[in-house]
Amino acid sequence: MKQELPAKETIRRFPLLQVTEEQLSSLLSPLLGVHYIERVEKVEGGLTNTILRVWPTGGSDGLLVRVFAGGRAGWEKERSILSAVRDFLPVPEVLLASDGAGDLGYPSLVCRWVEGIPLNAWRKQTLPADVLRLAEPLGRLTATIATPPVRPGAGTETAWRATVSSVGELLLVTQQRLASRRVQRRLGDALADALSARLSKEAKPLENLAGTCCLVHGDLGGRNILVAPDRNGSWHISGLLDWEEAFFGWAAWDVGSLFRYPRRFGEAFRARFEGGYRGAGGALSENWWTTSRLLDATRQIATLDDESERPVVYADCRELLELLVLDAS
């Protein structure tokens, strides 16, 4: 089973913006002081923002500049969340926030650079024993997202709200999608029917996942988790990035998102993850491995209902859903 989508089918929501050094110098002038920009590199990742790493003179590790081509909504959400969780989670430190009135013409955040490599890339080049040692910290991190006393601030309630009001409503919308001609064509009748039956059978356990409304990262996975070595050579989680899809909802959403590709993580990894998650105060249902992945499957089904034609993306969704039905049988 393929685990990654080919780059040729990565479709950005907004094109990469062309940012000049003059614009960056103007934006960063409050931080640069007597220094100037020595080097700029575009950073891969994300489908919405333009992300740059900027090295000022003076020996700094660099700055992370995120330019929000989608406008103020994503910028306001990310800025407020980073401020709210900085004492609990390894998120970038915001040094400067611009609403886009000048400088680049788009809202932007300037953060201190976070050293590390994405978990996905690290996992591929690391011994299984080292990956296993990160399972418990990853469980603690995932639980901690849901446990800080974070609530929407004034004016952010709409931006932070889930697109559906309950898991029950989400399941209803998902069942309607599974019955649609577009999804049936992309999945095949047999798989669509099997998923519909499985979601119906697990409706009650899924609705019980809701629990207390909490902060959800929304796109928790190996692209947005950075790891870095300690001084003694051990690896730790150094950064948690990209909060644009965050909302207040169900903690199991992040668990399912993290384990979307289940073959990447063995039984021992899941057991240590569970220990770390519960140890950090997180609540997991007895059958969390299946129910959280079923909840995440609603995202794959929503993708399959998209009007655009992305055959490689849809083939990936179909394989994930086939595997889920197979594992749950």
C-alpha atoms as a PDB file:
ATOM      1  CA  MET A   1       0.000   0.000   0.000  1.00  0.00           C
ATOM      2  CA  LYS A   2       1.373   3.414  -0.908  1.00  0.00           C
ATOM      3  CA  GLN A   3       1.917   5.703   2.040  1.00  0.00           C
ATOM      4  CA  GLU A   4       2.569   9.100   0.440  1.00  0.00           C
ATOM      5  CA  LEU A   5       0.884  11.100  -2.297  1.00  0.00           C
ATOM      6  CA  PRO A   6       3.122  12.020  -5.214  1.00  0.00           C
ATOM      7  CA  ALA A   7       4.125  15.663  -5.347  1.00  0.00           C
ATOM      8  CA  LYS A   8       2.644  16.104  -8.817  1.00  0.00           C
ATOM      9  CA  GLU A   9      -0.865  15.802  -7.396  1.00  0.00           C
ATOM     10  CA  THR A  10      -0.385  18.231  -4.517  1.00  0.00           C
ATOM     11  CA  ILE A  11      -2.945  20.947  -5.213  1.00  0.00           C
ATOM     12  CA  ARG A  12      -2.515  24.194  -3.332  1.00  0.00           C
ATOM     13  CA  ARG A  13      -5.531  26.122  -2.110  1.00  0.00           C
ATOM     14  CA  PHE A  14      -3.691  29.370  -2.908  1.00  0.00           C
ATOM     15  CA  PRO A  15      -0.660  29.893  -5.151  1.00  0.00           C
ATOM     16  CA  LEU A  16       2.726  30.609  -3.634  1.00  0.00           C
ATOM     17  CA  LEU A  17       3.231  34.341  -3.240  1.00  0.00           C
ATOM     18  CA  GLN A  18       6.247  36.125  -4.654  1.00  0.00           C
ATOM     19  CA  VAL A  19       7.782  38.062  -1.763  1.00  0.00           C
ATOM     20  CA  THR A  20      10.697  40.392  -2.435  1.00  0.00           C
ATOM     21  CA  GLU A  21      13.614  40.984  -0.091  1.00  0.00           C
ATOM     22  CA  GLU A  22      12.596  44.632   0.077  1.00  0.00           C
ATOM     23  CA  GLN A  23       9.128  43.655   1.327  1.00  0.00           C
ATOM     24  CA  LEU A  24      10.656  41.299   3.886  1.00  0.00           C
ATOM     25  CA  SER A  25      13.058  43.962   5.081  1.00  0.00           C
ATOM     26  CA  SER A  26      10.157  46.344   5.605  1.00  0.00           C
ATOM     27  CA  LEU A  27       8.143  43.711   7.471  1.00  0.00           C
ATOM     28  CA  LEU A  28      11.058  42.641   9.671  1.00  0.00           C
ATOM     29  CA  SER A  29      12.481  46.110  10.371  1.00  0.00           C
ATOM     30  CA  PRO A  30      11.262  46.097  14.021  1.00  0.00           C
ATOM     31  CA  LEU A  31      13.241  42.884  14.601  1.00  0.00           C
ATOM     32  CA  LEU A  32      16.331  43.445  12.460  1.00  0.00           C
ATOM     33  CA  GLY A  33      17.715  46.516  14.190  1.00  0.00           C
ATOM     34  CA  VAL A  34      21.206  47.104  12.825  1.00  0.00           C
ATOM     35  CA  HIS A  35      21.158  43.777  10.967  1.00  0.00           C
ATOM     36  CA  TYR A  36      19.936  42.986   7.468  1.00  0.00           C
ATOM     37  CA  ILE A  37      18.675  39.924   5.609  1.00  0.00           C
ATOM     38  CA  GLU A  38      21.470  37.578   4.609  1.00  0.00           C
ATOM     39  CA  ARG A  39      19.492  34.730   3.016  1.00  0.00           C
ATOM     40  CA  VAL A  40      15.890  33.667   2.300  1.00  0.00           C
ATOM     41  CA  GLU A  41      14.569  30.186   1.502  1.00  0.00           C
ATOM     42  CA  LYS A  42      11.077  28.948   0.739  1.00  0.00           C
ATOM     43  CA  VAL A  43       9.942  26.183   3.081  1.00  0.00           C
ATOM     44  CA  GLU A  44       7.935  23.253   1.769  1.00  0.00           C
ATOM     45  CA  GLY A  45       4.734  22.344   3.540  1.00  0.00           C
ATOM     46  CA  GLY A  46       1.153  23.444   3.722  1.00  0.00           C
ATOM     47  CA  LEU A  47      -1.257  24.074   0.876  1.00  0.00           C
ATOM     48  CA  THR A  48      -2.412  27.570   1.817  1.00  0.00           C
ATOM     49  CA  ASN A  49       0.383  29.737   3.176  1.00  0.00           C
ATOM     50  CA  THR A  50       3.644  30.891   1.687  1.00  0.00           C
ATOM     51  CA  ILE A  51       6.330  29.936   4.221  1.00  0.00           C
ATOM     52  CA  LEU A  52       9.825  31.439   4.266  1.00  0.00           C
ATOM     53  CA  ARG A  53      12.916  30.976   6.397  1.00  0.00           C
ATOM     54  CA  VAL A  54      14.890  34.181   6.776  1.00  0.00           C
ATOM     55  CA  TRP A  55      18.455  34.413   8.081  1.00  0.00           C
ATOM     56  CA  PRO A  56      19.390  37.857   9.377  1.00  0.00           C
ATOM     57  CA  THR A  57      23.035  38.739   9.823  1.00  0.00           C
ATOM     58  CA  GLY A  58      24.389  38.328  13.330  1.00  0.00           C
ATOM     59  CA  GLY A  59      24.391  34.550  13.693  1.00  0.00           C
ATOM     60  CA  SER A  60      20.665  33.986  14.366  1.00  0.00           C
ATOM     61  CA  ASP A  61      19.134  30.550  13.714  1.00  0.00           C
ATOM     62  CA  GLY A  62      16.638  32.326  11.515  1.00  0.00           C
ATOM     63  CA  LEU A  63      13.047  33.442  11.440  1.00  0.00           C
ATOM     64  CA  LEU A  64       9.936  31.698  10.156  1.00  0.00           C
ATOM     65  CA  VAL A  65       7.674  33.955   8.093  1.00  0.00           C
ATOM     66  CA  ARG A  66       4.174  32.684   7.308  1.00  0.00           C
ATOM     67  CA  VAL A  67       2.223  34.738   4.777  1.00  0.00           C
ATOM     68  CA  PHE A  68      -1.514  34.022   4.830  1.00  0.00           C
ATOM     69  CA  ALA A  69      -2.738  34.171   1.239  1.00  0.00           C
ATOM     70  CA  GLY A  70      -6.207  33.119   2.430  1.00  0.00           C
ATOM     71  CA  GLY A  71      -6.664  36.328   4.383  1.00  0.00           C
ATOM     72  CA  ARG A  72      -7.326  37.374   7.953  1.00  0.00           C
ATOM     73  CA  ALA A  73      -9.453  34.448   9.188  1.00  0.00           C
ATOM     74  CA  GLY A  74      -6.634  31.880   9.188  1.00  0.00           C
ATOM     75  CA  TRP A  75      -4.149  34.484  10.422  1.00  0.00           C
ATOM     76  CA  GLU A  76      -6.334  35.505  13.355  1.00  0.00           C
ATOM     77  CA  LYS A  77      -7.017  31.896  14.328  1.00  0.00           C
ATOM     78  CA  GLU A  78      -3.362  30.851  14.220  1.00  0.00           C
ATOM     79  CA  ARG A  79      -2.181  33.938  16.076  1.00  0.00           C
ATOM     80  CA  SER A  80      -4.716  33.522  18.867  1.00  0.00           C
ATOM     81  CA  ILE A  81      -4.130  29.783  19.235  1.00  0.00           C
ATOM     82  CA  LEU A  82      -0.345  30.108  19.350  1.00  0.00           C
ATOM     83  CA  SER A  83      -0.736  32.712  22.074  1.00  0.00           C
ATOM     84  CA  ALA A  84      -3.197  30.539  24.026  1.00  0.00           C
ATOM     85  CA  VAL A  85      -1.181  27.286  23.989  1.00  0.00           C
ATOM     86  CA  ARG A  86       2.424  28.501  24.116  1.00  0.00           C
ATOM     87  CA  ASP A  87       2.770  27.560  27.802  1.00  0.00           C
ATOM     88  CA  PHE A  88       1.496  24.009  27.180  1.00  0.00           C
ATOM     89  CA  LEU A  89       2.671  22.955  23.732  1.00  0.00           C
ATOM     90  CA  PRO A  90       5.874  23.216  21.637  1.00  0.00           C
ATOM     91  CA  VAL A  91       4.544  25.809  19.209  1.00  0.00           C
ATOM     92  CA  PRO A  92       6.550  28.542  17.465  1.00  0.00           C
ATOM     93  CA  GLU A  93       7.061  31.757  19.412  1.00  0.00           C
ATOM     94  CA  VAL A  94       5.394  34.671  17.626  1.00  0.00           C
ATOM     95  CA  LEU A  95       7.734  37.656  17.435  1.00  0.00           C
ATOM     96  CA  LEU A  96       5.736  39.867  15.096  1.00  0.00           C
ATOM     97  CA  ALA A  97       2.207  39.872  13.677  1.00  0.00           C
ATOM     98  CA  SER A  98       1.218  42.041  10.718  1.00  0.00           C
ATOM     99  CA  ASP A  99      -2.402  42.402   9.606  1.00  0.00           C
ATOM    100  CA  GLY A 100      -1.327  42.986   6.010  1.00  0.00           C
ATOM    101  CA  ALA A 101      -2.187  46.663   5.856  1.00  0.00           C
ATOM    102  CA  GLY A 102       1.303  47.339   4.465  1.00  0.00           C
ATOM    103  CA  ASP A 103       4.513  45.445   3.813  1.00  0.00           C
ATOM    104  CA  LEU A 104       3.451  42.260   2.013  1.00  0.00           C
ATOM    105  CA  GLY A 105      -0.201  43.097   1.383  1.00  0.00           C
ATOM    106  CA  TYR A 106      -1.249  39.905   3.202  1.00  0.00           C
ATOM    107  CA  PRO A 107      -1.450  39.079   6.908  1.00  0.00           C
ATOM    108  CA  SER A 108       1.709  37.451   8.221  1.00  0.00           C
ATOM    109  CA  LEU A 109       3.263  35.987  11.328  1.00  0.00           C
ATOM    110  CA  VAL A 110       6.984  36.087  12.086  1.00  0.00           C
ATOM    111  CA  CYS A 111       8.115  33.399  14.520  1.00  0.00           C
ATOM    112  CA  ARG A 112      11.364  32.210  15.984  1.00  0.00           C
ATOM    113  CA  TRP A 113      12.657  29.320  13.887  1.00  0.00           C
ATOM    114  CA  VAL A 114      11.984  25.863  15.354  1.00  0.00           C
ATOM    115  CA  GLU A 115      14.746  23.324  14.713  1.00  0.00           C
ATOM    116  CA  GLY A 116      13.635  19.866  13.713  1.00  0.00           C
ATOM    117  CA  ILE A 117      12.525  17.641  10.866  1.00  0.00           C
ATOM    118  CA  PRO A 118       8.978  16.431  10.144  1.00  0.00           C
ATOM    119  CA  LEU A 119       8.045  13.204  11.899  1.00  0.00           C
ATOM    120  CA  ASN A 120       7.198  11.581   8.550  1.00  0.00           C
ATOM    121  CA  ALA A 121      10.700  12.150   7.169  1.00  0.00           C
ATOM    122  CA  TRP A 122      12.414  11.199  10.428  1.00  0.00           C
ATOM    123  CA  ARG A 123      10.457   7.953  10.742  1.00  0.00           C
ATOM    124  CA  LYS A 124      11.686   6.752   7.341  1.00  0.00           C
ATOM    125  CA  GLN A 125      15.362   7.156   8.236  1.00  0.00           C
ATOM    126  CA  THR A 126      15.289   6.058  11.876  1.00  0.00           C
ATOM    127  CA  LEU A 127      15.642   2.692  13.596  1.00  0.00           C
ATOM    128  CA  PRO A 128      12.307   1.191  14.770  1.00  0.00           C
ATOM    129  CA  ALA A 129      13.528   1.217  18.397  1.00  0.00           C
ATOM    130  CA  ASP A 130      14.034   4.989  18.244  1.00  0.00           C
ATOM    131  CA  VAL A 131      10.598   5.498  16.696  1.00  0.00           C
ATOM    132  CA  LEU A 132       9.067   3.383  19.459  1.00  0.00           C
ATOM    133  CA  ARG A 133      10.652   5.579  22.128  1.00  0.00           C
ATOM    134  CA  LEU A 134       8.738   8.534  20.756  1.00  0.00           C
ATOM    135  CA  ALA A 135       5.329   6.839  21.113  1.00  0.00           C
ATOM    136  CA  GLU A 136       4.690   7.801  24.735  1.00  0.00           C
ATOM    137  CA  PRO A 137       5.718  11.468  24.277  1.00  0.00           C
ATOM    138  CA  LEU A 138       3.487  11.578  21.201  1.00  0.00           C
ATOM    139  CA  GLY A 139       0.595  10.271  23.280  1.00  0.00           C
ATOM    140  CA  ARG A 140       1.214  12.936  25.916  1.00  0.00           C
ATOM    141  CA  LEU A 141       1.381  15.651  23.270  1.00  0.00           C
ATOM    142  CA  THR A 142      -1.892  14.574  21.643  1.00  0.00           C
ATOM    143  CA  ALA A 143      -3.703  14.492  24.990  1.00  0.00           C
ATOM    144  CA  THR A 144      -2.269  17.843  26.029  1.00  0.00           C
ATOM    145  CA  ILE A 145      -3.759  19.544  22.958  1.00  0.00           C
ATOM    146  CA  ALA A 146      -7.195  18.685  24.323  1.00  0.00           C
ATOM    147  CA  THR A 147      -6.566  19.419  28.000  1.00  0.00           C
ATOM    148  CA  PRO A 148      -5.298  23.032  28.350  1.00  0.00           C
ATOM    149  CA  PRO A 149      -7.978  25.495  29.487  1.00  0.00           C
ATOM    150  CA  VAL A 150      -8.213  27.101  26.054  1.00  0.00           C
ATOM    151  CA  ARG A 151     -11.421  28.744  24.886  1.00  0.00           C
ATOM    152  CA  PRO A 152     -12.227  31.032  21.952  1.00  0.00           C
ATOM    153  CA  GLY A 153     -11.524  34.685  22.589  1.00  0.00           C
ATOM    154  CA  ALA A 154     -13.837  37.525  21.755  1.00  0.00           C
ATOM    155  CA  GLY A 155     -14.674  37.604  18.063  1.00  0.00           C
ATOM    156  CA  THR A 156     -13.209  34.156  17.306  1.00  0.00           C
ATOM    157  CA  GLU A 157     -16.231  31.953  18.121  1.00  0.00           C
ATOM    158  CA  THR A 158     -17.318  31.607  14.487  1.00  0.00           C
ATOM    159  CA  ALA A 159     -13.776  31.009  13.167  1.00  0.00           C
ATOM    160  CA  TRP A 160     -13.120  28.302  15.765  1.00  0.00           C
ATOM    161  CA  ARG A 161     -16.442  26.526  15.448  1.00  0.00           C
ATOM    162  CA  ALA A 162     -16.646  23.068  13.867  1.00  0.00           C
ATOM    163  CA  THR A 163     -18.463  22.926  10.533  1.00  0.00           C
ATOM    164  CA  VAL A 164     -21.017  20.564  12.099  1.00  0.00           C
ATOM    165  CA  SER A 165     -22.531  20.868  15.553  1.00  0.00           C
ATOM    166  CA  SER A 166     -22.203  17.241  16.685  1.00  0.00           C
ATOM    167  CA  VAL A 167     -20.794  13.846  15.788  1.00  0.00           C
ATOM    168  CA  GLY A 168     -24.362  12.759  15.058  1.00  0.00           C
ATOM    169  CA  GLU A 169     -24.723  15.505  12.456  1.00  0.00           C
ATOM    170  CA  LEU A 170     -21.323  14.597  11.000  1.00  0.00           C
ATOM    171  CA  LEU A 171     -22.404  10.968  10.606  1.00  0.00           C
ATOM    172  CA  LEU A 172     -25.647  12.037   8.933  1.00  0.00           C
ATOM    173  CA  VAL A 173     -23.763  14.192   6.422  1.00  0.00           C
ATOM    174  CA  THR A 174     -21.273  11.351   5.818  1.00  0.00           C
ATOM    175  CA  GLN A 175     -24.067   8.846   5.147  1.00  0.00           C
ATOM    176  CA  GLN A 176     -25.558  11.261   2.611  1.00  0.00           C
ATOM    177  CA  ARG A 177     -22.192  11.522   0.900  1.00  0.00           C
ATOM    178  CA  LEU A 178     -21.782   7.756   0.782  1.00  0.00           C
ATOM    179  CA  ALA A 179     -25.160   7.524  -0.966  1.00  0.00           C
ATOM    180  CA  SER A 180     -24.247  10.171  -3.552  1.00  0.00           C
ATOM    181  CA  ARG A 181     -23.481   9.225  -7.127  1.00  0.00           C
ATOM    182  CA  ARG A 182     -20.057  10.909  -7.040  1.00  0.00           C
ATOM    183  CA  VAL A 183     -18.771   9.016  -3.981  1.00  0.00           C
ATOM    184  CA  GLN A 184     -20.317   5.727  -5.107  1.00  0.00           C
ATOM    185  CA  ARG A 185     -18.494   6.086  -8.432  1.00  0.00           C
ATOM    186  CA  ARG A 186     -15.134   6.784  -6.770  1.00  0.00           C
ATOM    187  CA  LEU A 187     -15.434   4.136  -4.071  1.00  0.00           C
ATOM    188  CA  GLY A 188     -17.477   1.477  -5.797  1.00  0.00           C
ATOM    189  CA  ASP A 189     -20.895   0.405  -4.525  1.00  0.00           C
ATOM    190  CA  ALA A 190     -19.611  -2.473  -2.389  1.00  0.00           C
ATOM    191  CA  LEU A 191     -17.101  -0.399  -0.416  1.00  0.00           C
ATOM    192  CA  ALA A 192     -19.502   2.532  -0.024  1.00  0.00           C
ATOM    193  CA  ASP A 193     -22.176   0.185   1.324  1.00  0.00           C
ATOM    194  CA  ALA A 194     -19.710  -1.514   3.681  1.00  0.00           C
ATOM    195  CA  LEU A 195     -18.610   1.840   5.083  1.00  0.00           C
ATOM    196  CA  SER A 196     -22.205   2.958   5.501  1.00  0.00           C
ATOM    197  CA  ALA A 197     -23.034  -0.222   7.415  1.00  0.00           C
ATOM    198  CA  ARG A 198     -19.949   0.112   9.590  1.00  0.00           C
ATOM    199  CA  LEU A 199     -20.696   3.722  10.481  1.00  0.00           C
ATOM    200  CA  SER A 200     -24.297   2.798  11.307  1.00  0.00           C
ATOM    201  CA  LYS A 201     -23.156  -0.050  13.542  1.00  0.00           C
ATOM    202  CA  GLU A 202     -20.669   2.191  15.369  1.00  0.00           C
ATOM    203  CA  ALA A 203     -22.933   5.252  15.539  1.00  0.00           C
ATOM    204  CA  LYS A 204     -23.450   5.094  19.296  1.00  0.00           C
ATOM    205  CA  PRO A 205     -19.753   4.597  20.231  1.00  0.00           C
ATOM    206  CA  LEU A 206     -18.840   7.377  17.791  1.00  0.00           C
ATOM    207  CA  GLU A 207     -21.363   9.781  19.304  1.00  0.00           C
ATOM    208  CA  ASN A 208     -19.982   8.908  22.745  1.00  0.00           C
ATOM    209  CA  LEU A 209     -16.565  10.161  21.585  1.00  0.00           C
ATOM    210  CA  ALA A 210     -17.795  13.728  21.689  1.00  0.00           C
ATOM    211  CA  GLY A 211     -17.373  14.203  25.436  1.00  0.00           C
ATOM    212  CA  THR A 212     -16.360  17.667  26.555  1.00  0.00           C
ATOM    213  CA  CYS A 213     -15.740  20.152  23.760  1.00  0.00           C
ATOM    214  CA  CYS A 214     -11.991  20.738  23.535  1.00  0.00           C
ATOM    215  CA  LEU A 215      -9.318  22.193  21.311  1.00  0.00           C
ATOM    216  CA  VAL A 216      -8.522  20.063  18.247  1.00  0.00           C
ATOM    217  CA  HIS A 217      -5.467  20.660  16.063  1.00  0.00           C
ATOM    218  CA  GLY A 218      -7.441  19.530  13.031  1.00  0.00           C
ATOM    219  CA  ASP A 219      -4.534  18.279  10.922  1.00  0.00           C
ATOM    220  CA  LEU A 220      -2.405  16.326  13.367  1.00  0.00           C
ATOM    221  CA  GLY A 221       0.078  14.171  11.513  1.00  0.00           C
ATOM    222  CA  GLY A 222       3.683  13.593  10.611  1.00  0.00           C
ATOM    223  CA  ARG A 223       3.916  16.686   8.377  1.00  0.00           C
ATOM    224  CA  ASN A 224       3.103  19.065  11.211  1.00  0.00           C
ATOM    225  CA  ILE A 225       5.073  17.446  14.059  1.00  0.00           C
ATOM    226  CA  LEU A 226       8.788  18.265  14.241  1.00  0.00           C
ATOM    227  CA  VAL A 227      11.358  16.152  16.061  1.00  0.00           C
ATOM    228  CA  ALA A 228      14.930  17.065  17.006  1.00  0.00           C
ATOM    229  CA  PRO A 229      17.846  15.423  18.856  1.00  0.00           C
ATOM    230  CA  ASP A 230      18.697  16.265  22.450  1.00  0.00           C
ATOM    231  CA  ARG A 231      22.280  16.862  23.523  1.00  0.00           C
ATOM    232  CA  ASN A 232      22.557  13.199  24.494  1.00  0.00           C
ATOM    233  CA  GLY A 233      21.349  12.051  21.086  1.00  0.00           C
ATOM    234  CA  SER A 234      17.794  11.118  22.088  1.00  0.00           C
ATOM    235  CA  TRP A 235      14.944  12.498  20.008  1.00  0.00           C
ATOM    236  CA  HIS A 236      12.122  14.681  21.278  1.00  0.00           C
ATOM    237  CA  ILE A 237       9.149  16.543  19.817  1.00  0.00           C
ATOM    238  CA  SER A 238      10.395  20.060  19.108  1.00  0.00           C
ATOM    239  CA  GLY A 239       7.481  21.670  17.302  1.00  0.00           C
ATOM    240  CA  LEU A 240       3.780  21.449  16.500  1.00  0.00           C
ATOM    241  CA  LEU A 241       2.910  23.536  13.450  1.00  0.00           C
ATOM    242  CA  ASP A 242       0.027  24.704  11.244  1.00  0.00           C
ATOM    243  CA  TRP A 243      -3.083  25.432  13.315  1.00  0.00           C
ATOM    244  CA  GLU A 244      -5.292  26.791  10.529  1.00  0.00           C
ATOM    245  CA  GLU A 245      -7.672  23.827  10.652  1.00  0.00           C
ATOM    246  CA  ALA A 246      -8.017  23.889  14.441  1.00  0.00           C
ATOM    247  CA  PHE A 247     -11.486  23.976  15.970  1.00  0.00           C
ATOM    248  CA  PHE A 248     -13.341  23.195  19.165  1.00  0.00           C
ATOM    249  CA  GLY A 249     -14.685  19.673  18.897  1.00  0.00           C
ATOM    250  CA  TRP A 250     -13.731  16.085  19.680  1.00  0.00           C
ATOM    251  CA  ALA A 251     -10.333  14.926  20.899  1.00  0.00           C
ATOM    252  CA  ALA A 252     -10.653  11.655  18.962  1.00  0.00           C
ATOM    253  CA  TRP A 253     -10.449  13.655  15.724  1.00  0.00           C
ATOM    254  CA  ASP A 254      -6.732  14.277  16.321  1.00  0.00           C
ATOM    255  CA  VAL A 255      -6.125  10.653  17.370  1.00  0.00           C
ATOM    256  CA  GLY A 256      -7.707   9.359  14.162  1.00  0.00           C
ATOM    257  CA  SER A 257      -5.811  11.887  12.062  1.00  0.00           C
ATOM    258  CA  LEU A 258      -2.500  10.850  13.618  1.00  0.00           C
ATOM    259  CA  PHE A 259      -3.123   7.164  12.874  1.00  0.00           C
ATOM    260  CA  ARG A 260      -4.651   7.656   9.428  1.00  0.00           C
ATOM    261  CA  TYR A 261      -1.943   5.411   7.948  1.00  0.00           C
ATOM    262  CA  PRO A 262      -2.161   2.589  10.505  1.00  0.00           C
ATOM    263  CA  ARG A 263       0.562   0.365   9.060  1.00  0.00           C
ATOM    264  CA  ARG A 264       3.167   2.956  10.042  1.00  0.00           C
ATOM    265  CA  PHE A 265       2.664   2.151  13.718  1.00  0.00           C
ATOM    266  CA  GLY A 266       2.790  -1.334  15.254  1.00  0.00           C
ATOM    267  CA  GLU A 267       0.944  -2.705  18.254  1.00  0.00           C
ATOM    268  CA  ALA A 268       3.773  -1.842  20.672  1.00  0.00           C
ATOM    269  CA  PHE A 269       3.774   1.756  19.438  1.00  0.00           C
ATOM    270  CA  ARG A 270       0.008   2.031  19.929  1.00  0.00           C
ATOM    271  CA  ALA A 271       0.263   0.593  23.447  1.00  0.00           C
ATOM    272  CA  ARG A 272       2.922   3.122  24.456  1.00  0.00           C
ATOM    273  CA  PHE A 273       0.979   5.924  22.803  1.00  0.00           C
ATOM    274  CA  GLU A 274      -2.098   4.924  24.795  1.00  0.00           C
ATOM    275  CA  GLY A 275      -0.080   4.901  28.022  1.00  0.00           C
ATOM    276  CA  GLY A 276       1.270   8.376  27.326  1.00  0.00           C
ATOM    277  CA  TYR A 277      -2.159   9.682  26.339  1.00  0.00           C
ATOM    278  CA  ARG A 278      -3.893   8.384  29.460  1.00  0.00           C
ATOM    279  CA  GLY A 279      -0.967   9.409  31.647  1.00  0.00           C
ATOM    280  CA  ALA A 280      -1.379  13.014  30.460  1.00  0.00           C
ATOM    281  CA  GLY A 281      -5.036  12.996  31.477  1.00  0.00           C
ATOM    282  CA  GLY A 282      -6.548  12.112  28.104  1.00  0.00           C
ATOM    283  CA  ALA A 283      -9.603   9.862  27.878  1.00  0.00           C
ATOM    284  CA  LEU A 284      -9.674   7.017  25.352  1.00  0.00           C
ATOM    285  CA  SER A 285     -12.539   4.638  24.747  1.00  0.00           C
ATOM    286  CA  GLU A 286     -11.928   0.896  25.052  1.00  0.00           C
ATOM    287  CA  ASN A 287     -12.053   0.505  21.277  1.00  0.00           C
ATOM    288  CA  TRP A 288     -10.311   3.815  20.518  1.00  0.00           C
ATOM    289  CA  TRP A 289      -8.127   2.406  17.742  1.00  0.00           C
ATOM    290  CA  THR A 290     -11.145   1.619  15.568  1.00  0.00           C
ATOM    291  CA  THR A 291     -13.527   4.395  16.569  1.00  0.00           C
ATOM    292  CA  SER A 292     -11.029   7.233  16.141  1.00  0.00           C
ATOM    293  CA  ARG A 293     -10.088   5.959  12.690  1.00  0.00           C
ATOM    294  CA  LEU A 294     -13.761   5.686  11.758  1.00  0.00           C
ATOM    295  CA  LEU A 295     -14.206   9.292  12.813  1.00  0.00           C
ATOM    296  CA  ASP A 296     -11.229  10.270  10.657  1.00  0.00           C
ATOM    297  CA  ALA A 297     -12.749   8.308   7.757  1.00  0.00           C
ATOM    298  CA  THR A 298     -15.428  10.990   7.505  1.00  0.00           C
ATOM    299  CA  ARG A 299     -12.661  13.301   6.229  1.00  0.00           C
ATOM    300  CA  GLN A 300     -11.664  10.840   3.513  1.00  0.00           C
ATOM    301  CA  ILE A 301     -15.289  10.494   2.460  1.00  0.00           C
ATOM    302  CA  ALA A 302     -15.668  14.290   2.362  1.00  0.00           C
ATOM    303  CA  THR A 303     -12.593  14.460   0.112  1.00  0.00           C
ATOM    304  CA  LEU A 304     -14.142  11.883  -2.225  1.00  0.00           C
ATOM    305  CA  ASP A 305     -17.187  14.153  -2.567  1.00  0.00           C
ATOM    306  CA  ASP A 306     -15.108  17.032  -3.920  1.00  0.00           C
ATOM    307  CA  GLU A 307     -16.105  18.383  -7.334  1.00  0.00           C
ATOM    308  CA  SER A 308     -12.545  18.442  -8.680  1.00  0.00           C
ATOM    309  CA  GLU A 309     -10.918  15.442 -10.330  1.00  0.00           C
ATOM    310  CA  ARG A 310      -7.829  14.215  -8.427  1.00  0.00           C
ATOM    311  CA  PRO A 311      -7.531  10.508  -9.213  1.00  0.00           C
ATOM    312  CA  VAL A 312      -4.355   9.847  -7.217  1.00  0.00           C
ATOM    313  CA  VAL A 313      -5.793  11.548  -4.126  1.00  0.00           C
ATOM    314  CA  TYR A 314      -9.019   9.576  -4.463  1.00  0.00           C
ATOM    315  CA  ALA A 315      -7.154   6.303  -4.947  1.00  0.00           C
ATOM    316  CA  ASP A 316      -5.279   6.989  -1.706  1.00  0.00           C
ATOM    317  CA  CYS A 317      -8.554   7.665   0.128  1.00  0.00           C
ATOM    318  CA  ARG A 318     -10.061   4.496  -1.285  1.00  0.00           C
ATOM    319  CA  GLU A 319      -7.135   2.355  -0.121  1.00  0.00           C
ATOM    320  CA  LEU A 320      -7.315   3.845   3.366  1.00  0.00           C
ATOM    321  CA  LEU A 321     -11.032   3.159   3.574  1.00  0.00           C
ATOM    322  CA  GLU A 322     -10.625  -0.383   2.243  1.00  0.00           C
ATOM    323  CA  LEU A 323      -8.027  -1.027   4.932  1.00  0.00           C
ATOM    324  CA  LEU A 324     -10.315   0.391   7.604  1.00  0.00           C
ATOM    325  CA  VAL A 325     -13.172  -1.888   6.601  1.00  0.00           C
ATOM    326  CA  LEU A 326     -10.787  -4.851   6.495  1.00  0.00           C
ATOM    327  CA  ASP A 327      -9.331  -4.089   9.942  1.00  0.00           C
ATOM    328  CA  ALA A 328     -12.774  -3.543  11.456  1.00  0.00           C
ATOM    329  CA  SER A 329     -14.263  -6.770  10.106  1.00  0.00           C
END
